[in-house]
C-alpha atoms as a PDB file:
ATOM      1  CA  MET A   1     -61.622-167.532  -6.695  1.00  0.00           C
ATOM      2  CA  SER A   2     -64.437-168.979  -4.622  1.00  0.00           C
ATOM      3  CA  ASP A   3     -65.937-172.416  -4.978  1.00  0.00           C
ATOM      4  CA  PRO A   4     -68.815-172.775  -7.413  1.00  0.00           C
ATOM      5  CA  THR A   5     -72.266-172.720  -5.882  1.00  0.00           C
ATOM      6  CA  PRO A   6     -74.134-175.980  -5.388  1.00  0.00           C
ATOM      7  CA  LEU A   7     -76.509-174.867  -8.167  1.00  0.00           C
ATOM      8  CA  ALA A   8     -73.632-174.472 -10.624  1.00  0.00           C
ATOM      9  CA  GLN A   9     -72.267-177.866  -9.558  1.00  0.00           C
ATOM     10  CA  ALA A  10     -75.685-179.470 -10.029  1.00  0.00           C
ATOM     11  CA  ASP A  11     -76.088-177.910 -13.471  1.00  0.00           C
ATOM     12  CA  ALA A  12     -72.682-179.224 -14.527  1.00  0.00           C
ATOM     13  CA  MET A  13     -73.453-182.715 -13.195  1.00  0.00           C
ATOM     14  CA  ILE A  14     -76.851-182.886 -14.899  1.00  0.00           C
ATOM     15  CA  GLU A  15     -75.553-181.532 -18.216  1.00  0.00           C
ATOM     16  CA  LYS A  16     -72.689-184.028 -18.179  1.00  0.00           C
ATOM     17  CA  ALA A  17     -74.916-187.004 -17.309  1.00  0.00           C
ATOM     18  CA  TRP A  18     -77.621-186.301 -19.898  1.00  0.00           C
ATOM     19  CA  GLY A  19     -75.356-184.648 -22.470  1.00  0.00           C
ATOM     20  CA  ARG A  20     -77.643-181.673 -23.095  1.00  0.00           C
ATOM     21  CA  PRO A  21     -77.987-178.100 -21.815  1.00  0.00           C
ATOM     22  CA  ILE A  22     -80.156-177.484 -18.749  1.00  0.00           C
ATOM     23  CA  ALA A  23     -82.745-175.472 -20.693  1.00  0.00           C
ATOM     24  CA  ASP A  24     -83.356-178.393 -23.070  1.00  0.00           C
ATOM     25  CA  LEU A  25     -83.519-180.872 -20.203  1.00  0.00           C
ATOM     26  CA  GLN A  26     -86.035-178.741 -18.296  1.00  0.00           C
ATOM     27  CA  ALA A  27     -88.317-178.622 -21.317  1.00  0.00           C
ATOM     28  CA  LEU A  28     -87.913-182.360 -21.862  1.00  0.00           C
ATOM     29  CA  ALA A  29     -88.711-183.136 -18.208  1.00  0.00           C
ATOM     30  CA  VAL A  30     -91.902-181.070 -18.400  1.00  0.00           C
ATOM     31  CA  ARG A  31     -93.117-182.408 -21.762  1.00  0.00           C
ATOM     32  CA  ARG A  32     -92.286-186.078 -21.213  1.00  0.00           C
ATOM     33  CA  PRO A  33     -91.996-186.854 -17.504  1.00  0.00           C
ATOM     34  CA  VAL A  34     -92.792-190.553 -17.939  1.00  0.00           C
ATOM     35  CA  GLN A  35     -90.123-191.095 -20.569  1.00  0.00           C
ATOM     36  CA  ASP A  36     -87.245-190.359 -18.170  1.00  0.00           C
ATOM     37  CA  PRO A  37     -88.400-190.332 -14.532  1.00  0.00           C
ATOM     38  CA  LEU A  38     -84.836-189.903 -13.235  1.00  0.00           C
ATOM     39  CA  LEU A  39     -84.487-186.702 -15.255  1.00  0.00           C
ATOM     40  CA  THR A  40     -87.807-185.469 -13.868  1.00  0.00           C
ATOM     41  CA  ALA A  41     -86.653-186.209 -10.312  1.00  0.00           C
ATOM     42  CA  ALA A  42     -83.316-184.477 -10.953  1.00  0.00           C
ATOM     43  CA  MET A  43     -85.124-181.397 -12.272  1.00  0.00           C
ATOM     44  CA  HIS A  44     -87.381-181.343  -9.187  1.00  0.00           C
ATOM     45  CA  LEU A  45     -84.327-181.480  -6.936  1.00  0.00           C
ATOM     46  CA  ARG A  46     -82.701-178.775  -9.046  1.00  0.00           C
ATOM     47  CA  SER A  47     -85.714-176.496  -8.549  1.00  0.00           C
ATOM     48  CA  ALA A  48     -85.460-177.062  -4.780  1.00  0.00           C
ATOM     49  CA  LEU A  49     -81.774-176.242  -5.090  1.00  0.00           C
ATOM     50  CA  VAL A  50     -82.600-172.950  -6.827  1.00  0.00           C
ATOM     51  CA  VAL A  51     -84.817-171.961  -3.888  1.00  0.00           C
ATOM     52  CA  SER A  52     -82.239-172.914  -1.267  1.00  0.00           C
ATOM     53  CA  ASN A  53     -79.479-171.207  -3.281  1.00  0.00           C
ATOM     54  CA  ASN A  54     -81.490-167.969  -3.206  1.00  0.00           C
ATOM     55  CA  ALA A  55     -82.043-168.399   0.533  1.00  0.00           C
ATOM     56  CA  VAL A  56     -78.294-168.812   1.045  1.00  0.00           C
ATOM     57  CA  ALA A  57     -77.639-165.549  -0.825  1.00  0.00           C
ATOM     58  CA  VAL A  58     -80.254-163.667   1.238  1.00  0.00           C
ATOM     59  CA  HIS A  59     -78.942-164.981   4.553  1.00  0.00           C
ATOM     60  CA  GLN A  60     -75.339-164.250   3.554  1.00  0.00           C
ATOM     61  CA  ASP A  61     -76.239-160.655   2.689  1.00  0.00           C
ATOM     62  CA  ARG A  62     -78.098-160.252   5.980  1.00  0.00           C
ATOM     63  CA  LEU A  63     -75.185-161.693   7.951  1.00  0.00           C
ATOM     64  CA  HIS A  64     -72.671-159.478   6.141  1.00  0.00           C
ATOM     65  CA  ALA A  65     -74.809-156.414   6.888  1.00  0.00           C
ATOM     66  CA  LEU A  66     -74.942-157.324  10.589  1.00  0.00           C
ATOM     67  CA  THR A  67     -71.203-158.026  10.815  1.00  0.00           C
ATOM     68  CA  ARG A  68     -69.754-155.369   8.507  1.00  0.00           C
ATOM     69  CA  PRO A  69     -66.304-153.993   9.401  1.00  0.00           C
ATOM     70  CA  GLY A  70     -66.287-151.143  11.862  1.00  0.00           C
ATOM     71  CA  TYR A  71     -69.861-151.819  12.977  1.00  0.00           C
ATOM     72  CA  VAL A  72     -70.453-152.648  16.605  1.00  0.00           C
ATOM     73  CA  PRO A  73     -73.880-154.218  16.922  1.00  0.00           C
ATOM     74  CA  PRO A  74     -76.041-153.254  19.863  1.00  0.00           C
ATOM     75  CA  PHE A  75     -76.949-155.928  22.338  1.00  0.00           C
ATOM     76  CA  TYR A  76     -80.386-156.616  20.809  1.00  0.00           C
ATOM     77  CA  ASP A  77     -78.763-157.253  17.365  1.00  0.00           C
ATOM     78  CA  LEU A  78     -76.783-160.210  18.702  1.00  0.00           C
ATOM     79  CA  GLU A  79     -79.873-162.408  18.557  1.00  0.00           C
ATOM     80  CA  ARG A  80     -80.523-161.332  14.953  1.00  0.00           C
ATOM     81  CA  THR A  81     -76.920-162.121  14.062  1.00  0.00           C
ATOM     82  CA  THR A  82     -77.145-165.551  15.637  1.00  0.00           C
ATOM     83  CA  ARG A  83     -80.471-166.260  13.900  1.00  0.00           C
ATOM     84  CA  ALA A  84     -79.084-165.136  10.524  1.00  0.00           C
ATOM     85  CA  ALA A  85     -76.057-167.396  10.950  1.00  0.00           C
ATOM     86  CA  THR A  86     -78.245-170.341  11.905  1.00  0.00           C
ATOM     87  CA  GLU A  87     -80.593-169.801   8.968  1.00  0.00           C
ATOM     88  CA  LEU A  88     -77.581-169.552   6.659  1.00  0.00           C
ATOM     89  CA  ARG A  89     -76.279-172.911   7.870  1.00  0.00           C
ATOM     90  CA  VAL A  90     -79.693-174.517   7.424  1.00  0.00           C
ATOM     91  CA  ALA A  91     -80.007-173.170   3.871  1.00  0.00           C
ATOM     92  CA  GLN A  92     -76.502-174.396   3.056  1.00  0.00           C
ATOM     93  CA  ALA A  93     -77.345-177.843   4.428  1.00  0.00           C
ATOM     94  CA  GLU A  94     -80.500-177.953   2.294  1.00  0.00           C
ATOM     95  CA  SER A  95     -78.443-177.031  -0.770  1.00  0.00           C
ATOM     96  CA  LEU A  96     -75.886-179.742  -0.112  1.00  0.00           C
ATOM     97  CA  THR A  97     -78.632-182.303   0.517  1.00  0.00           C
ATOM     98  CA  ALA A  98     -80.286-181.496  -2.815  1.00  0.00           C
ATOM     99  CA  LEU A  99     -76.898-181.650  -4.555  1.00  0.00           C
ATOM    100  CA  ARG A 100     -76.239-185.060  -3.014  1.00  0.00           C
ATOM    101  CA  GLY A 101     -79.677-186.241  -4.100  1.00  0.00           C
ATOM    102  CA  ILE A 102     -78.943-185.227  -7.677  1.00  0.00           C
ATOM    103  CA  GLY A 103     -75.662-187.134  -7.464  1.00  0.00           C
ATOM    104  CA  TYR A 104     -77.506-190.250  -6.286  1.00  0.00           C
ATOM    105  CA  LEU A 105     -80.008-189.942  -9.142  1.00  0.00           C
ATOM    106  CA  ILE A 106     -77.178-189.709 -11.642  1.00  0.00           C
ATOM    107  CA  GLU A 107     -75.533-192.786 -10.112  1.00  0.00           C
ATOM    108  CA  ALA A 108     -78.833-194.664 -10.376  1.00  0.00           C
ATOM    109  CA  ARG A 109     -79.157-193.626 -14.030  1.00  0.00           C
ATOM    110  CA  GLU A 110     -75.635-194.833 -14.775  1.00  0.00           C
ATOM    111  CA  ALA A 111     -76.312-198.130 -13.025  1.00  0.00           C
ATOM    112  CA  ALA A 112     -79.547-198.609 -14.964  1.00  0.00           C
ATOM    113  CA  THR A 113     -77.908-197.936 -18.300  1.00  0.00           C
ATOM    114  CA  ALA A 114     -74.852-200.127 -17.653  1.00  0.00           C
ATOM    115  CA  HIS A 115     -75.599-202.999 -20.017  1.00  0.00           C
ATOM    116  CA  SER A 116     -72.058-204.301 -20.064  1.00  0.00           C
ATOM    117  CA  VAL A 117     -72.125-205.413 -16.431  1.00  0.00           C
ATOM    118  CA  PRO A 118     -72.511-209.214 -16.276  1.00  0.00           C
ATOM    119  CA  GLY A 119     -74.822-209.100 -13.255  1.00  0.00           C
ATOM    120  CA  VAL A 120     -77.242-206.828 -15.079  1.00  0.00           C
ATOM    121  CA  ARG A 121     -77.235-209.112 -18.136  1.00  0.00           C
ATOM    122  CA  LEU A 122     -77.854-212.158 -15.948  1.00  0.00           C
ATOM    123  CA  ALA A 123     -80.751-210.438 -14.195  1.00  0.00           C
ATOM    124  CA  GLN A 124     -82.250-209.405 -17.531  1.00  0.00           C
ATOM    125  CA  ALA A 125     -81.920-212.962 -18.838  1.00  0.00           C
ATOM    126  CA  ALA A 126     -83.592-214.350 -15.697  1.00  0.00           C
ATOM    127  CA  VAL A 127     -86.489-211.940 -16.067  1.00  0.00           C
ATOM    128  CA  ALA A 128     -86.858-212.881 -19.732  1.00  0.00           C
ATOM    129  CA  ARG A 129     -86.857-216.592 -18.865  1.00  0.00           C
ATOM    130  CA  SER A 130     -89.402-216.156 -16.097  1.00  0.00           C
ATOM    131  CA  THR A 131     -91.873-214.431 -18.411  1.00  0.00           C
ATOM    132  CA  GLN A 132     -91.539-217.228 -20.967  1.00  0.00           C
ATOM    133  CA  ALA A 133     -91.854-220.094 -18.468  1.00  0.00           C
ATOM    134  CA  ARG A 134     -94.604-222.635 -19.060  1.00  0.00           C
ATOM    135  CA  PRO A 135     -97.304-222.955 -16.413  1.00  0.00           C
ATOM    136  CA  ALA A 136     -96.839-225.804 -13.964  1.00  0.00           C
ATOM    137  CA  LEU A 137     -98.526-229.124 -14.664  1.00  0.00           C
ATOM    138  CA  GLY A 138    -101.751-229.761 -12.870  1.00  0.00           C
ATOM    139  CA  HIS A 139    -104.781-227.596 -12.548  1.00  0.00           C
ATOM    140  CA  PRO A 140    -105.073-224.404 -14.566  1.00  0.00           C
ATOM    141  CA  PRO A 141    -104.485-221.295 -12.472  1.00  0.00           C
ATOM    142  CA  ASP A 142    -108.026-219.969 -12.915  1.00  0.00           C
ATOM    143  CA  ARG A 143    -109.697-223.118 -11.582  1.00  0.00           C
ATOM    144  CA  PRO A 144    -109.439-223.954  -7.873  1.00  0.00           C
ATOM    145  CA  GLY A 145    -108.002-227.291  -6.858  1.00  0.00           C
ATOM    146  CA  PRO A 146    -110.039-230.112  -5.313  1.00  0.00           C
ATOM    147  CA  THR A 147    -111.209-229.489  -1.795  1.00  0.00           C
ATOM    148  CA  ALA A 148    -109.863-231.628   0.997  1.00  0.00           C
ATOM    149  CA  THR A 149    -112.350-233.691   2.959  1.00  0.00           C
ATOM    150  CA  THR A 150    -112.455-233.105   6.660  1.00  0.00           C
ATOM    151  CA  GLY A 151    -113.513-236.179   8.464  1.00  0.00           C
ATOM    152  CA  PRO A 152    -114.046-239.875   7.905  1.00  0.00           C
ATOM    153  CA  ARG A 153    -115.432-240.956   4.587  1.00  0.00           C
ATOM    154  CA  ALA A 154    -118.935-242.230   4.535  1.00  0.00           C
ATOM    155  CA  ALA A 155    -119.341-245.967   4.396  1.00  0.00           C
ATOM    156  CA  THR A 156    -119.708-247.184   0.875  1.00  0.00           C
ATOM    157  CA  ILE A 157    -122.001-249.936  -0.127  1.00  0.00           C
ATOM    158  CA  GLY A 158    -120.384-252.965  -1.583  1.00  0.00           C
ATOM    159  CA  PRO A 159    -117.013-254.587  -1.396  1.00  0.00           C
ATOM    160  CA  ARG A 160    -113.787-252.633  -1.723  1.00  0.00           C
ATOM    161  CA  ARG A 161    -111.258-253.753  -4.172  1.00  0.00           C
END
């Protein structure tokens, strides 16, 4: 049995991470993209993966046709064979890159939802404290401070005390 395609791997990863079938997640990503931006990004990468997966299938078929058993390609077909092999490798690299990107998005989602990690709780507490902090004593933030004088003060009339 051959390895599953990158598209099948991506579907399994996304379904496991979000706990829903791909069809439901696609509809959710289209209807409410702001609600879960990581899901929207994962679905965009998945659509790119669909395109590159189709390109891999086309290039594989072309390469198999050019290198079928018992077929001796003429000299001018060697360039086509080389080009088909190169395009196949590029399409496979694009597929693996999209699959890796989906994996990184899932890792980011898991890290964002990990509330039990002490560092995350400390960061959340610091953000909460910073929004509740009192303004510093002194001038209000909307009023500029006193301007500094640049030069000697003018002589004042009368005695100084």
